[in-house]
Amino acid sequence: MQQNPKYSGKDSDYLINQKVFDAFYKSLKGKQVLVYSGLFKEAKKKLKNGDLDYLKEIDPTEYIYQIFYIWKQKEYLASELHDLTEQEKKELNHQMIDEIEEET
């Protein structure tokens, strides 16, 4: 009979390499099994400060239009097509994909 471990993972387990860290992250994401102490506490602080942004994926989509739709009985119809300004393109394109939702 196996005993339940005290921890779901320690830093000596999940920091072996990137593949192991990714496996821990994907399997534990959304679970309330992590306590932010030790290295996780430091990592959470770095995440909030943006120090880990280089690890996030970049959205490769190139947005050039804004399309407005209206509901017509049983379907949506495009009612207006608007070219984005250069400023809007800078704000919308190549943003980082945020997978982690912050607790509030």
Protein backbone atom coordinates (compact mmCIF):
# COMPACT_ATOMS: atom_id res chain seq x y z
CA MET A 1 0.00 0.00 0.00
CA GLN A 2 1.44 3.37 -1.04
CA GLN A 3 1.41 6.35 1.26
CA ASN A 4 0.26 9.75 0.06
CA PRO A 5 3.23 12.07 -0.35
CA LYS A 6 3.33 15.22 1.73
CA TYR A 7 4.05 17.35 -1.36
CA SER A 8 2.88 17.15 -4.96
CA GLY A 9 6.37 18.23 -5.96
CA LYS A 10 9.45 19.84 -4.52
CA ASP A 11 11.89 22.13 -6.31
CA SER A 12 14.37 19.26 -6.47
CA ASP A 13 11.74 17.37 -8.52
CA TYR A 14 10.34 19.98 -10.91
CA LEU A 15 13.57 21.88 -11.61
CA ILE A 16 15.41 18.89 -13.08
CA ASN A 17 14.84 20.22 -16.62
CA GLN A 18 12.32 22.16 -18.72
CA LYS A 19 10.43 19.02 -19.83
CA VAL A 20 9.87 17.92 -16.20
CA PHE A 21 8.84 21.46 -15.21
CA ASP A 22 6.36 21.59 -18.10
CA ALA A 23 4.87 18.23 -17.03
CA PHE A 24 4.44 19.48 -13.46
CA TYR A 25 2.96 22.77 -14.69
CA LYS A 26 0.46 21.15 -17.07
CA SER A 27 -0.66 18.49 -14.61
CA LEU A 28 -0.98 20.86 -11.64
CA LYS A 29 -2.37 23.91 -13.45
CA GLY A 30 -5.73 24.86 -11.98
CA LYS A 31 -5.28 22.59 -8.98
CA GLN A 32 -5.07 24.09 -5.53
CA VAL A 33 -2.17 21.92 -4.46
CA LEU A 34 0.64 24.45 -4.66
CA VAL A 35 1.59 26.68 -1.80
CA TYR A 36 3.53 29.78 -2.78
CA SER A 37 6.53 29.47 -0.53
CA GLY A 38 10.23 29.10 -1.10
CA LEU A 39 11.12 29.16 -4.79
CA PHE A 40 7.48 29.34 -5.90
CA LYS A 41 7.01 32.49 -3.85
CA GLU A 42 9.99 34.04 -5.61
CA ALA A 43 8.75 32.80 -9.02
CA LYS A 44 5.28 34.30 -8.39
CA LYS A 45 6.92 37.64 -7.59
CA LYS A 46 8.96 37.45 -10.81
CA LEU A 47 5.81 36.55 -12.78
CA LYS A 48 3.95 39.58 -11.41
CA ASN A 49 6.93 41.86 -12.16
CA GLY A 50 7.09 40.63 -15.77
CA ASP A 51 10.53 39.08 -15.32
CA LEU A 52 9.25 35.80 -16.81
CA ASP A 53 7.47 37.31 -19.82
CA TYR A 54 10.18 35.97 -22.12
CA LEU A 55 8.79 32.47 -21.41
CA LYS A 56 5.30 33.32 -22.68
CA GLU A 57 4.18 32.52 -26.20
CA ILE A 58 3.59 35.37 -28.63
CA ASP A 59 0.33 35.44 -30.58
CA PRO A 60 1.42 35.11 -34.25
CA THR A 61 -1.90 36.48 -35.56
CA GLU A 62 -1.61 39.70 -37.57
CA TYR A 63 -4.73 41.78 -36.91
CA ILE A 64 -5.43 44.37 -39.62
CA TYR A 65 -9.22 44.82 -39.54
CA GLN A 66 -11.93 45.37 -36.99
CA ILE A 67 -15.22 43.81 -38.06
CA PHE A 68 -18.57 44.63 -36.50
CA TYR A 69 -21.35 42.07 -36.72
CA ILE A 70 -25.10 42.36 -36.26
CA TRP A 71 -27.58 39.59 -35.50
CA LYS A 72 -30.13 39.05 -38.26
CA GLN A 73 -32.78 36.49 -37.22
CA LYS A 74 -30.64 33.31 -37.37
CA GLU A 75 -27.10 34.46 -38.12
CA TYR A 76 -24.51 37.17 -37.67
CA LEU A 77 -23.81 39.43 -40.63
CA ALA A 78 -20.78 41.65 -41.03
CA SER A 79 -22.09 45.18 -40.82
CA GLU A 80 -18.91 47.23 -40.86
CA LEU A 81 -15.26 46.65 -41.74
CA HIS A 82 -12.70 49.07 -40.37
CA ASP A 83 -8.96 49.14 -41.09
CA LEU A 84 -6.98 49.33 -37.88
CA THR A 85 -4.74 52.35 -37.43
CA GLU A 86 -1.00 51.81 -37.03
CA GLN A 87 -1.38 52.54 -33.31
CA GLU A 88 -4.19 49.96 -32.96
CA LYS A 89 -2.05 47.39 -34.82
CA LYS A 90 0.84 48.01 -32.40
CA GLU A 91 -1.48 47.57 -29.42
CA LEU A 92 -3.19 44.40 -30.71
CA ASN A 93 -0.55 42.48 -32.63
CA HIS A 94 2.13 40.20 -31.24
CA GLN A 95 0.85 40.29 -27.68
CA MET A 96 1.91 37.63 -25.21
CA ILE A 97 -0.52 34.81 -24.57
CA ASP A 98 -1.40 34.74 -20.87
CA GLU A 99 -2.28 31.23 -19.74
CA ILE A 100 -2.04 31.87 -16.03
CA GLU A 101 -5.03 33.54 -14.44
CA GLU A 102 -4.19 35.60 -11.38
CA GLU A 103 -6.11 34.99 -8.18
CA THR A 104 -7.96 38.09 -7.01
